[in-house]
């Protein structure tokens, strides 16, 4: 948000950094982190990373994961529960893509 204000040389309180970011075609850091997490999960699922699949909860026939619940905020906001929640909200046509680069492009487009 500060970078968008800097790019436009507009630091007035009445200016909207969100609108500036939209005009520049930038996405928020929160969205960038969500995209990165979903891409990492896709690599884990397709065994492009050397991680065991048993760290993930069961997956349904529609490629959706069973939700993971936790009582502690630290766990609820950790990688697996938060990323699975984001994954389950993706459209099915994106989830079924096997090619990682194509998947990455589609996810980025979806969140942009």
PDB file of N, CA and C in Angstrom:
ATOM      1  N   UNK A   1       0.825  -1.186   0.000  1.00  0.00           N
ATOM      2  CA  UNK A   1       0.000   0.000   0.000  1.00  0.00           C
ATOM      3  C   UNK A   1       0.867   1.246   0.000  1.00  0.00           C
ATOM      4  N   UNK A   2       1.956   1.201   0.784  1.00  0.00           N
ATOM      5  CA  UNK A   2       2.868   2.347   0.798  1.00  0.00           C
ATOM      6  C   UNK A   2       3.562   2.503  -0.552  1.00  0.00           C
ATOM      7  N   UNK A   3       3.906   1.381  -1.158  1.00  0.00           N
ATOM      8  CA  UNK A   3       4.575   1.430  -2.461  1.00  0.00           C
ATOM      9  C   UNK A   3       3.651   2.020  -3.521  1.00  0.00           C
ATOM     10  N   UNK A   4       2.372   1.711  -3.459  1.00  0.00           N
ATOM     11  CA  UNK A   4       1.420   2.264  -4.425  1.00  0.00           C
ATOM     12  C   UNK A   4       1.303   3.773  -4.242  1.00  0.00           C
ATOM     13  N   UNK A   5       1.262   4.228  -3.003  1.00  0.00           N
ATOM     14  CA  UNK A   5       1.224   5.674  -2.738  1.00  0.00           C
ATOM     15  C   UNK A   5       2.502   6.336  -3.237  1.00  0.00           C
ATOM     16  N   UNK A   6       3.628   5.657  -3.044  1.00  0.00           N
ATOM     17  CA  UNK A   6       4.909   6.185  -3.515  1.00  0.00           C
ATOM     18  C   UNK A   6       4.942   6.234  -5.043  1.00  0.00           C
ATOM     19  N   UNK A   7       4.440   5.173  -5.692  1.00  0.00           N
ATOM     20  CA  UNK A   7       4.458   5.107  -7.153  1.00  0.00           C
ATOM     21  C   UNK A   7       3.631   6.234  -7.771  1.00  0.00           C
ATOM     22  N   UNK A   8       2.542   6.587  -7.119  1.00  0.00           N
ATOM     23  CA  UNK A   8       1.686   7.671  -7.617  1.00  0.00           C
ATOM     24  C   UNK A   8       2.076   9.034  -7.051  1.00  0.00           C
ATOM     25  N   UNK A   9       3.054   9.058  -6.151  1.00  0.00           N
ATOM     26  CA  UNK A   9       3.453  10.301  -5.457  1.00  0.00           C
ATOM     27  C   UNK A   9       2.237  10.978  -4.833  1.00  0.00           C
ATOM     28  N   UNK A  10       1.400  10.173  -4.241  1.00  0.00           N
ATOM     29  CA  UNK A  10       0.147  10.669  -3.660  1.00  0.00           C
ATOM     30  C   UNK A  10       0.011  10.122  -2.241  1.00  0.00           C
ATOM     31  N   UNK A  11       0.352  10.935  -1.273  1.00  0.00           N
ATOM     32  CA  UNK A  11       0.299  10.484   0.112  1.00  0.00           C
ATOM     33  C   UNK A  11      -0.799  11.188   0.915  1.00  0.00           C
ATOM     34  N   UNK A  12      -1.796  11.695   0.211  1.00  0.00           N
ATOM     35  CA  UNK A  12      -2.904  12.360   0.894  1.00  0.00           C
ATOM     36  C   UNK A  12      -3.739  11.337   1.666  1.00  0.00           C
ATOM     37  N   UNK A  13      -4.297  11.758   2.757  1.00  0.00           N
ATOM     38  CA  UNK A  13      -5.135  10.861   3.571  1.00  0.00           C
ATOM     39  C   UNK A  13      -6.420  10.477   2.852  1.00  0.00           C
ATOM     40  N   UNK A  14      -6.854  11.300   1.935  1.00  0.00           N
ATOM     41  CA  UNK A  14      -8.105  11.033   1.222  1.00  0.00           C
ATOM     42  C   UNK A  14      -7.909  10.086   0.039  1.00  0.00           C
ATOM     43  N   UNK A  15      -6.664   9.825  -0.326  1.00  0.00           N
ATOM     44  CA  UNK A  15      -6.381   8.915  -1.446  1.00  0.00           C
ATOM     45  C   UNK A  15      -6.540   7.472  -0.995  1.00  0.00           C
ATOM     46  N   UNK A  16      -6.893   6.604  -1.932  1.00  0.00           N
ATOM     47  CA  UNK A  16      -7.119   5.195  -1.625  1.00  0.00           C
ATOM     48  C   UNK A  16      -5.977   4.344  -2.178  1.00  0.00           C
ATOM     49  N   UNK A  17      -5.110   3.834  -1.296  1.00  0.00           N
ATOM     50  CA  UNK A  17      -4.044   2.949  -1.771  1.00  0.00           C
ATOM     51  C   UNK A  17      -4.581   1.675  -2.430  1.00  0.00           C
ATOM     52  N   UNK A  18      -5.727   1.214  -1.963  1.00  0.00           N
ATOM     53  CA  UNK A  18      -6.341   0.029  -2.567  1.00  0.00           C
ATOM     54  C   UNK A  18      -6.696   0.289  -4.027  1.00  0.00           C
ATOM     55  N   UNK A  19      -7.261   1.434  -4.297  1.00  0.00           N
ATOM     56  CA  UNK A  19      -7.604   1.792  -5.678  1.00  0.00           C
ATOM     57  C   UNK A  19      -6.346   1.967  -6.516  1.00  0.00           C
ATOM     58  N   UNK A  20      -5.305   2.551  -5.920  1.00  0.00           N
ATOM     59  CA  UNK A  20      -4.029   2.705  -6.642  1.00  0.00           C
ATOM     60  C   UNK A  20      -3.449   1.339  -7.003  1.00  0.00           C
ATOM     61  N   UNK A  21      -3.511   0.406  -6.051  1.00  0.00           N
ATOM     62  CA  UNK A  21      -3.001  -0.948  -6.306  1.00  0.00           C
ATOM     63  C   UNK A  21      -3.796  -1.612  -7.421  1.00  0.00           C
ATOM     64  N   UNK A  22      -5.096  -1.404  -7.424  1.00  0.00           N
ATOM     65  CA  UNK A  22      -5.953  -1.987  -8.464  1.00  0.00           C
ATOM     66  C   UNK A  22      -5.584  -1.422  -9.835  1.00  0.00           C
ATOM     67  N   UNK A  23      -5.345  -0.114  -9.903  1.00  0.00           N
ATOM     68  CA  UNK A  23      -4.976   0.523 -11.166  1.00  0.00           C
ATOM     69  C   UNK A  23      -3.606   0.056 -11.652  1.00  0.00           C
ATOM     70  N   UNK A  24      -2.694  -0.212 -10.711  1.00  0.00           N
ATOM     71  CA  UNK A  24      -1.367  -0.696 -11.079  1.00  0.00           C
ATOM     72  C   UNK A  24      -1.356  -2.189 -11.409  1.00  0.00           C
ATOM     73  N   UNK A  25      -2.425  -2.885 -11.065  1.00  0.00           N
ATOM     74  CA  UNK A  25      -2.490  -4.321 -11.314  1.00  0.00           C
ATOM     75  C   UNK A  25      -1.752  -5.127 -10.260  1.00  0.00           C
ATOM     76  N   UNK A  26      -1.555  -4.553  -9.074  1.00  0.00           N
ATOM     77  CA  UNK A  26      -0.867  -5.228  -7.984  1.00  0.00           C
ATOM     78  C   UNK A  26      -1.874  -5.952  -7.104  1.00  0.00           C
ATOM     79  N   UNK A  27      -1.444  -7.049  -6.522  1.00  0.00           N
ATOM     80  CA  UNK A  27      -2.273  -7.754  -5.545  1.00  0.00           C
ATOM     81  C   UNK A  27      -1.659  -7.553  -4.167  1.00  0.00           C
ATOM     82  N   UNK A  28      -2.469  -7.689  -3.150  1.00  0.00           N
ATOM     83  CA  UNK A  28      -1.997  -7.467  -1.783  1.00  0.00           C
ATOM     84  C   UNK A  28      -1.044  -8.584  -1.354  1.00  0.00           C
ATOM     85  N   UNK A  29      -0.266  -8.305  -0.329  1.00  0.00           N
ATOM     86  CA  UNK A  29       0.649  -9.318   0.197  1.00  0.00           C
ATOM     87  C   UNK A  29      -0.115 -10.517   0.740  1.00  0.00           C
ATOM     88  N   UNK A  30      -1.267 -10.266   1.320  1.00  0.00           N
ATOM     89  CA  UNK A  30      -2.105 -11.351   1.830  1.00  0.00           C
ATOM     90  C   UNK A  30      -2.494 -12.301   0.692  1.00  0.00           C
ATOM     91  N   UNK A  31      -2.888 -11.744  -0.437  1.00  0.00           N
ATOM     92  CA  UNK A  31      -3.262 -12.560  -1.600  1.00  0.00           C
ATOM     93  C   UNK A  31      -2.045 -13.276  -2.166  1.00  0.00           C
ATOM     94  N   UNK A  32      -0.896 -12.613  -2.206  1.00  0.00           N
ATOM     95  CA  UNK A  32       0.330 -13.253  -2.687  1.00  0.00           C
ATOM     96  C   UNK A  32       0.695 -14.446  -1.813  1.00  0.00           C
ATOM     97  N   UNK A  33       0.536 -14.298  -0.506  1.00  0.00           N
ATOM     98  CA  UNK A  33       0.844 -15.414   0.411  1.00  0.00           C
ATOM     99  C   UNK A  33      -0.132 -16.567   0.207  1.00  0.00           C
ATOM    100  N   UNK A  34      -1.408 -16.244  -0.009  1.00  0.00           N
ATOM    101  CA  UNK A  34      -2.408 -17.289  -0.240  1.00  0.00           C
ATOM    102  C   UNK A  34      -2.087 -18.059  -1.518  1.00  0.00           C
ATOM    103  N   UNK A  35      -1.712 -17.349  -2.570  1.00  0.00           N
ATOM    104  CA  UNK A  35      -1.355 -17.986  -3.842  1.00  0.00           C
ATOM    105  C   UNK A  35      -0.139 -18.887  -3.662  1.00  0.00           C
ATOM    106  N   UNK A  36       0.867 -18.405  -2.933  1.00  0.00           N
ATOM    107  CA  UNK A  36       2.075 -19.197  -2.696  1.00  0.00           C
ATOM    108  C   UNK A  36       1.757 -20.465  -1.901  1.00  0.00           C
ATOM    109  N   UNK A  37       0.885 -20.353  -0.902  1.00  0.00           N
ATOM    110  CA  UNK A  37       0.502 -21.526  -0.101  1.00  0.00           C
ATOM    111  C   UNK A  37      -0.246 -22.550  -0.944  1.00  0.00           C
ATOM    112  N   UNK A  38      -1.159 -22.081  -1.769  1.00  0.00           N
ATOM    113  CA  UNK A  38      -1.923 -22.997  -2.625  1.00  0.00           C
ATOM    114  C   UNK A  38      -0.995 -23.679  -3.623  1.00  0.00           C
ATOM    115  N   UNK A  39      -0.029 -22.953  -4.173  1.00  0.00           N
ATOM    116  CA  UNK A  39       0.931 -23.557  -5.092  1.00  0.00           C
ATOM    117  C   UNK A  39       1.777 -24.610  -4.393  1.00  0.00           C
ATOM    118  N   UNK A  40       2.165 -24.346  -3.149  1.00  0.00           N
ATOM    119  CA  UNK A  40       2.941 -25.322  -2.376  1.00  0.00           C
ATOM    120  C   UNK A  40       2.112 -26.577  -2.128  1.00  0.00           C
ATOM    121  N   UNK A  41       0.849 -26.415  -1.788  1.00  0.00           N
ATOM    122  CA  UNK A  41      -0.028 -27.570  -1.573  1.00  0.00           C
ATOM    123  C   UNK A  41      -0.181 -28.374  -2.852  1.00  0.00           C
ATOM    124  N   UNK A  42      -0.287 -27.702  -3.984  1.00  0.00           N
ATOM    125  CA  UNK A  42      -0.391 -28.399  -5.271  1.00  0.00           C
ATOM    126  C   UNK A  42       0.862 -29.233  -5.527  1.00  0.00           C
ATOM    127  N   UNK A  43       2.025 -28.692  -5.197  1.00  0.00           N
ATOM    128  CA  UNK A  43       3.275 -29.445  -5.367  1.00  0.00           C
ATOM    129  C   UNK A  43       3.313 -30.658  -4.436  1.00  0.00           C
ATOM    130  N   UNK A  44       2.803 -30.491  -3.218  1.00  0.00           N
ATOM    131  CA  UNK A  44       2.780 -31.619  -2.281  1.00  0.00           C
ATOM    132  C   UNK A  44       1.851 -32.714  -2.792  1.00  0.00           C
ATOM    133  N   UNK A  45       0.680 -32.332  -3.261  1.00  0.00           N
ATOM    134  CA  UNK A  45      -0.294 -33.301  -3.756  1.00  0.00           C
ATOM    135  C   UNK A  45       0.251 -34.067  -4.961  1.00  0.00           C
ATOM    136  N   UNK A  46       0.904 -33.362  -5.864  1.00  0.00           N
ATOM    137  CA  UNK A  46       1.438 -33.997  -7.071  1.00  0.00           C
ATOM    138  C   UNK A  46       2.834 -34.569  -6.871  1.00  0.00           C
ATOM    139  N   UNK A  47       3.271 -34.639  -5.628  1.00  0.00           N
ATOM    140  CA  UNK A  47       4.538 -35.235  -5.226  1.00  0.00           C
ATOM    141  C   UNK A  47       5.728 -34.635  -5.956  1.00  0.00           C
ATOM    142  N   UNK A  48       5.693 -33.337  -6.174  1.00  0.00           N
ATOM    143  CA  UNK A  48       6.829 -32.624  -6.729  1.00  0.00           C
ATOM    144  C   UNK A  48       7.788 -32.223  -5.621  1.00  0.00           C
ATOM    145  N   UNK A  49       7.337 -32.317  -4.388  1.00  0.00           N
ATOM    146  CA  UNK A  49       8.178 -32.083  -3.220  1.00  0.00           C
ATOM    147  C   UNK A  49       8.306 -33.390  -2.463  1.00  0.00           C
ATOM    148  N   UNK A  50       9.422 -33.572  -1.828  1.00  0.00           N
ATOM    149  CA  UNK A  50       9.674 -34.818  -1.117  1.00  0.00           C
ATOM    150  C   UNK A  50       9.080 -34.764   0.289  1.00  0.00           C
ATOM    151  N   UNK A  51       7.760 -34.690   0.341  1.00  0.00           N
ATOM    152  CA  UNK A  51       7.033 -34.694   1.606  1.00  0.00           C
ATOM    153  C   UNK A  51       6.013 -35.819   1.578  1.00  0.00           C
ATOM    154  N   UNK A  52       5.808 -36.483   2.701  1.00  0.00           N
ATOM    155  CA  UNK A  52       4.805 -37.555   2.722  1.00  0.00           C
ATOM    156  C   UNK A  52       3.392 -37.008   2.612  1.00  0.00           C
ATOM    157  N   UNK A  53       2.566 -37.716   1.893  1.00  0.00           N
ATOM    158  CA  UNK A  53       1.175 -37.289   1.718  1.00  0.00           C
ATOM    159  C   UNK A  53       0.337 -37.483   2.975  1.00  0.00           C
ATOM    160  N   UNK A  54       0.850 -38.264   3.930  1.00  0.00           N
ATOM    161  CA  UNK A  54       0.052 -38.515   5.131  1.00  0.00           C
ATOM    162  C   UNK A  54       0.002 -37.308   6.073  1.00  0.00           C
ATOM    163  N   UNK A  55       0.698 -36.222   5.733  1.00  0.00           N
ATOM    164  CA  UNK A  55       0.574 -35.011   6.548  1.00  0.00           C
ATOM    165  C   UNK A  55      -0.716 -34.265   6.218  1.00  0.00           C
ATOM    166  N   UNK A  56      -1.341 -34.631   5.107  1.00  0.00           N
ATOM    167  CA  UNK A  56      -2.579 -33.983   4.672  1.00  0.00           C
ATOM    168  C   UNK A  56      -3.788 -34.789   5.116  1.00  0.00           C
ATOM    169  N   UNK A  57      -4.911 -34.134   5.361  1.00  0.00           N
ATOM    170  CA  UNK A  57      -6.128 -34.889   5.693  1.00  0.00           C
ATOM    171  C   UNK A  57      -6.660 -35.629   4.461  1.00  0.00           C
ATOM    172  N   UNK A  58      -7.668 -36.438   4.686  1.00  0.00           N
ATOM    173  CA  UNK A  58      -8.247 -37.215   3.589  1.00  0.00           C
ATOM    174  C   UNK A  58      -8.834 -36.281   2.537  1.00  0.00           C
ATOM    175  N   UNK A  59      -8.776 -36.756   1.301  1.00  0.00           N
ATOM    176  CA  UNK A  59      -9.282 -35.980   0.177  1.00  0.00           C
ATOM    177  C   UNK A  59     -10.487 -36.718  -0.409  1.00  0.00           C
ATOM    178  N   UNK A  60     -11.503 -35.973  -0.777  1.00  0.00           N
ATOM    179  CA  UNK A  60     -12.719 -36.579  -1.325  1.00  0.00           C
ATOM    180  C   UNK A  60     -12.533 -36.848  -2.819  1.00  0.00           C
ATOM    181  N   UNK A  61     -13.508 -37.488  -3.410  1.00  0.00           N
ATOM    182  CA  UNK A  61     -13.422 -37.798  -4.843  1.00  0.00           C
ATOM    183  C   UNK A  61     -13.493 -36.538  -5.697  1.00  0.00           C
ATOM    184  N   UNK A  62     -13.976 -35.421  -5.136  1.00  0.00           N
ATOM    185  CA  UNK A  62     -14.040 -34.159  -5.862  1.00  0.00           C
ATOM    186  C   UNK A  62     -12.791 -33.311  -5.646  1.00  0.00           C
ATOM    187  N   UNK A  63     -11.713 -33.944  -5.168  1.00  0.00           N
ATOM    188  CA  UNK A  63     -10.441 -33.264  -4.930  1.00  0.00           C
ATOM    189  C   UNK A  63     -10.544 -32.187  -3.862  1.00  0.00           C
ATOM    190  N   UNK A  64     -11.488 -32.310  -2.967  1.00  0.00           N
ATOM    191  CA  UNK A  64     -11.625 -31.388  -1.846  1.00  0.00           C
ATOM    192  C   UNK A  64     -11.135 -32.102  -0.587  1.00  0.00           C
ATOM    193  N   UNK A  65     -10.492 -31.369   0.285  1.00  0.00           N
ATOM    194  CA  UNK A  65     -10.014 -31.943   1.536  1.00  0.00           C
ATOM    195  C   UNK A  65     -11.077 -31.826   2.608  1.00  0.00           C
ATOM    196  N   UNK A  66     -11.059 -32.783   3.529  1.00  0.00           N
ATOM    197  CA  UNK A  66     -11.916 -32.660   4.693  1.00  0.00           C
ATOM    198  C   UNK A  66     -11.360 -31.507   5.531  1.00  0.00           C
ATOM    199  N   UNK A  67     -12.209 -30.609   5.999  1.00  0.00           N
ATOM    200  CA  UNK A  67     -11.713 -29.450   6.755  1.00  0.00           C
ATOM    201  C   UNK A  67     -10.993 -29.876   8.030  1.00  0.00           C
ATOM    202  N   UNK A  68     -10.007 -29.088   8.394  1.00  0.00           N
ATOM    203  CA  UNK A  68      -9.246 -29.333   9.614  1.00  0.00           C
ATOM    204  C   UNK A  68      -9.636 -28.244  10.608  1.00  0.00           C
ATOM    205  N   UNK A  69     -10.039 -28.671  11.783  1.00  0.00           N
ATOM    206  CA  UNK A  69     -10.465 -27.727  12.805  1.00  0.00           C
ATOM    207  C   UNK A  69      -9.452 -27.714  13.945  1.00  0.00           C
ATOM    208  N   UNK A  70      -9.362 -26.601  14.589  1.00  0.00           N
ATOM    209  CA  UNK A  70      -8.498 -26.493  15.747  1.00  0.00           C
ATOM    210  C   UNK A  70      -9.051 -25.471  16.709  1.00  0.00           C
ATOM    211  N   UNK A  71      -8.746 -25.649  17.969  1.00  0.00           N
ATOM    212  CA  UNK A  71      -9.219 -24.699  18.972  1.00  0.00           C
ATOM    213  C   UNK A  71      -8.210 -23.592  19.218  1.00  0.00           C
ATOM    214  N   UNK A  72      -6.967 -23.844  18.870  1.00  0.00           N
ATOM    215  CA  UNK A  72      -5.902 -22.883  19.140  1.00  0.00           C
ATOM    216  C   UNK A  72      -5.662 -22.053  17.876  1.00  0.00           C
ATOM    217  N   UNK A  73      -5.600 -20.736  18.039  1.00  0.00           N
ATOM    218  CA  UNK A  73      -5.428 -19.826  16.909  1.00  0.00           C
ATOM    219  C   UNK A  73      -4.149 -20.118  16.126  1.00  0.00           C
ATOM    220  N   UNK A  74      -3.087 -20.462  16.835  1.00  0.00           N
ATOM    221  CA  UNK A  74      -1.813 -20.733  16.169  1.00  0.00           C
ATOM    222  C   UNK A  74      -1.973 -21.892  15.184  1.00  0.00           C
ATOM    223  N   UNK A  75      -2.676 -22.937  15.581  1.00  0.00           N
ATOM    224  CA  UNK A  75      -2.872 -24.079  14.687  1.00  0.00           C
ATOM    225  C   UNK A  75      -3.835 -23.741  13.559  1.00  0.00           C
ATOM    226  N   UNK A  76      -4.932 -23.029  13.867  1.00  0.00           N
ATOM    227  CA  UNK A  76      -5.921 -22.688  12.840  1.00  0.00           C
ATOM    228  C   UNK A  76      -5.313 -21.847  11.725  1.00  0.00           C
ATOM    229  N   UNK A  77      -4.320 -21.033  12.071  1.00  0.00           N
ATOM    230  CA  UNK A  77      -3.686 -20.172  11.084  1.00  0.00           C
ATOM    231  C   UNK A  77      -2.398 -20.754  10.523  1.00  0.00           C
ATOM    232  N   UNK A  78      -2.094 -22.008  10.848  1.00  0.00           N
ATOM    233  CA  UNK A  78      -0.888 -22.632  10.319  1.00  0.00           C
ATOM    234  C   UNK A  78      -1.119 -23.089   8.870  1.00  0.00           C
ATOM    235  N   UNK A  79      -0.079 -23.619   8.237  1.00  0.00           N
ATOM    236  CA  UNK A  79      -0.108 -23.909   6.807  1.00  0.00           C
ATOM    237  C   UNK A  79      -1.264 -24.822   6.394  1.00  0.00           C
ATOM    238  N   UNK A  80      -1.363 -25.988   6.984  1.00  0.00           N
ATOM    239  CA  UNK A  80      -2.322 -26.986   6.497  1.00  0.00           C
ATOM    240  C   UNK A  80      -3.781 -26.533   6.667  1.00  0.00           C
ATOM    241  N   UNK A  81      -4.244 -26.133   7.853  1.00  0.00           N
ATOM    242  CA  UNK A  81      -5.661 -25.727   7.953  1.00  0.00           C
ATOM    243  C   UNK A  81      -6.021 -24.520   7.092  1.00  0.00           C
ATOM    244  N   UNK A  82      -5.174 -23.505   7.068  1.00  0.00           N
ATOM    245  CA  UNK A  82      -5.530 -22.307   6.303  1.00  0.00           C
ATOM    246  C   UNK A  82      -5.458 -22.549   4.800  1.00  0.00           C
ATOM    247  N   UNK A  83      -4.467 -23.323   4.355  1.00  0.00           N
ATOM    248  CA  UNK A  83      -4.323 -23.591   2.924  1.00  0.00           C
ATOM    249  C   UNK A  83      -5.414 -24.529   2.429  1.00  0.00           C
ATOM    250  N   UNK A  84      -5.797 -25.495   3.239  1.00  0.00           N
ATOM    251  CA  UNK A  84      -6.874 -26.409   2.851  1.00  0.00           C
ATOM    252  C   UNK A  84      -8.187 -25.650   2.716  1.00  0.00           C
ATOM    253  N   UNK A  85      -8.408 -24.695   3.590  1.00  0.00           N
ATOM    254  CA  UNK A  85      -9.615 -23.862   3.484  1.00  0.00           C
ATOM    255  C   UNK A  85      -9.610 -23.096   2.166  1.00  0.00           C
ATOM    256  N   UNK A  86      -8.481 -22.498   1.805  1.00  0.00           N
ATOM    257  CA  UNK A  86      -8.386 -21.760   0.534  1.00  0.00           C
ATOM    258  C   UNK A  86      -8.519 -22.715  -0.653  1.00  0.00           C
ATOM    259  N   UNK A  87      -7.906 -23.899  -0.571  1.00  0.00           N
ATOM    260  CA  UNK A  87      -7.960 -24.902  -1.646  1.00  0.00           C
ATOM    261  C   UNK A  87      -9.403 -25.332  -1.903  1.00  0.00           C
ATOM    262  N   UNK A  88     -10.144 -25.566  -0.832  1.00  0.00           N
ATOM    263  CA  UNK A  88     -11.523 -26.037  -0.976  1.00  0.00           C
ATOM    264  C   UNK A  88     -12.447 -25.001  -1.608  1.00  0.00           C
ATOM    265  N   UNK A  89     -12.026 -23.744  -1.631  1.00  0.00           N
ATOM    266  CA  UNK A  89     -12.838 -22.699  -2.260  1.00  0.00           C
ATOM    267  C   UNK A  89     -12.456 -22.451  -3.722  1.00  0.00           C
ATOM    268  N   UNK A  90     -11.431 -23.143  -4.215  1.00  0.00           N
ATOM    269  CA  UNK A  90     -11.055 -23.002  -5.625  1.00  0.00           C
ATOM    270  C   UNK A  90     -12.068 -23.722  -6.509  1.00  0.00           C
ATOM    271  N   UNK A  91     -12.285 -23.244  -7.722  1.00  0.00           N
ATOM    272  CA  UNK A  91     -13.166 -23.967  -8.655  1.00  0.00           C
ATOM    273  C   UNK A  91     -12.557 -25.323  -9.031  1.00  0.00           C
ATOM    274  N   UNK A  92     -13.410 -26.277  -9.314  1.00  0.00           N
ATOM    275  CA  UNK A  92     -12.969 -27.638  -9.621  1.00  0.00           C
ATOM    276  C   UNK A  92     -12.098 -27.695 -10.872  1.00  0.00           C
ATOM    277  N   UNK A  93     -12.373 -26.842 -11.857  1.00  0.00           N
ATOM    278  CA  UNK A  93     -11.570 -26.888 -13.088  1.00  0.00           C
ATOM    279  C   UNK A  93     -10.117 -26.467 -12.827  1.00  0.00           C
ATOM    280  N   UNK A  94      -9.861 -25.667 -11.814  1.00  0.00           N
ATOM    281  CA  UNK A  94      -8.483 -25.305 -11.470  1.00  0.00           C
ATOM    282  C   UNK A  94      -7.831 -26.416 -10.662  1.00  0.00           C
ATOM    283  N   UNK A  95      -8.563 -27.002  -9.738  1.00  0.00           N
ATOM    284  CA  UNK A  95      -8.010 -28.055  -8.878  1.00  0.00           C
ATOM    285  C   UNK A  95      -7.543 -29.252  -9.691  1.00  0.00           C
ATOM    286  N   UNK A  96      -8.238 -29.570 -10.761  1.00  0.00           N
ATOM    287  CA  UNK A  96      -7.910 -30.771 -11.539  1.00  0.00           C
ATOM    288  C   UNK A  96      -6.718 -30.612 -12.475  1.00  0.00           C
ATOM    289  N   UNK A  97      -6.112 -29.439 -12.536  1.00  0.00           N
ATOM    290  CA  UNK A  97      -4.953 -29.218 -13.410  1.00  0.00           C
ATOM    291  C   UNK A  97      -3.732 -29.902 -12.810  1.00  0.00           C
ATOM    292  N   UNK A  98      -3.050 -30.731 -13.608  1.00  0.00           N
ATOM    293  CA  UNK A  98      -1.859 -31.443 -13.145  1.00  0.00           C
ATOM    294  C   UNK A  98      -0.573 -30.660 -13.398  1.00  0.00           C
ATOM    295  N   UNK A  99      -0.508 -29.944 -14.514  1.00  0.00           N
ATOM    296  CA  UNK A  99       0.693 -29.183 -14.859  1.00  0.00           C
ATOM    297  C   UNK A  99       0.831 -28.012 -13.886  1.00  0.00           C
ATOM    298  N   UNK A 100       1.962 -27.961 -13.167  1.00  0.00           N
ATOM    299  CA  UNK A 100       2.098 -26.966 -12.105  1.00  0.00           C
ATOM    300  C   UNK A 100       2.148 -25.538 -12.645  1.00  0.00           C
ATOM    301  N   UNK A 101       2.838 -25.303 -13.743  1.00  0.00           N
ATOM    302  CA  UNK A 101       2.926 -23.942 -14.275  1.00  0.00           C
ATOM    303  C   UNK A 101       1.554 -23.428 -14.711  1.00  0.00           C
ATOM    304  N   UNK A 102       0.783 -24.282 -15.366  1.00  0.00           N
ATOM    305  CA  UNK A 102      -0.570 -23.910 -15.767  1.00  0.00           C
ATOM    306  C   UNK A 102      -1.442 -23.658 -14.537  1.00  0.00           C
ATOM    307  N   UNK A 103      -1.305 -24.537 -13.530  1.00  0.00           N
ATOM    308  CA  UNK A 103      -2.046 -24.376 -12.285  1.00  0.00           C
ATOM    309  C   UNK A 103      -1.708 -23.039 -11.629  1.00  0.00           C
ATOM    310  N   UNK A 104      -0.421 -22.735 -11.574  1.00  0.00           N
ATOM    311  CA  UNK A 104       0.046 -21.492 -10.962  1.00  0.00           C
ATOM    312  C   UNK A 104      -0.536 -20.274 -11.678  1.00  0.00           C
ATOM    313  N   UNK A 105      -0.530 -20.315 -13.004  1.00  0.00           N
ATOM    314  CA  UNK A 105      -1.083 -19.206 -13.789  1.00  0.00           C
ATOM    315  C   UNK A 105      -2.585 -19.041 -13.538  1.00  0.00           C
ATOM    316  N   UNK A 106      -3.309 -20.156 -13.507  1.00  0.00           N
ATOM    317  CA  UNK A 106      -4.767 -20.101 -13.295  1.00  0.00           C
ATOM    318  C   UNK A 106      -5.119 -19.581 -11.903  1.00  0.00           C
ATOM    319  N   UNK A 107      -4.353 -20.019 -10.885  1.00  0.00           N
ATOM    320  CA  UNK A 107      -4.611 -19.567  -9.525  1.00  0.00           C
ATOM    321  C   UNK A 107      -4.328 -18.075  -9.406  1.00  0.00           C
ATOM    322  N   UNK A 108      -3.230 -17.622 -10.014  1.00  0.00           N
ATOM    323  CA  UNK A 108      -2.894 -16.206  -9.982  1.00  0.00           C
ATOM    324  C   UNK A 108      -3.970 -15.382 -10.665  1.00  0.00           C
ATOM    325  N   UNK A 109      -4.454 -15.858 -11.810  1.00  0.00           N
ATOM    326  CA  UNK A 109      -5.529 -15.166 -12.522  1.00  0.00           C
ATOM    327  C   UNK A 109      -6.810 -15.168 -11.698  1.00  0.00           C
ATOM    328  N   UNK A 110      -7.106 -16.276 -11.050  1.00  0.00           N
ATOM    329  CA  UNK A 110      -8.321 -16.394 -10.242  1.00  0.00           C
ATOM    330  C   UNK A 110      -8.345 -15.375  -9.102  1.00  0.00           C
ATOM    331  N   UNK A 111      -7.207 -15.166  -8.461  1.00  0.00           N
ATOM    332  CA  UNK A 111      -7.151 -14.240  -7.324  1.00  0.00           C
ATOM    333  C   UNK A 111      -6.877 -12.793  -7.726  1.00  0.00           C
ATOM    334  N   UNK A 112      -6.562 -12.555  -8.996  1.00  0.00           N
ATOM    335  CA  UNK A 112      -6.272 -11.187  -9.427  1.00  0.00           C
ATOM    336  C   UNK A 112      -7.526 -10.438  -9.821  1.00  0.00           C
TER     337      UNK A 112
END
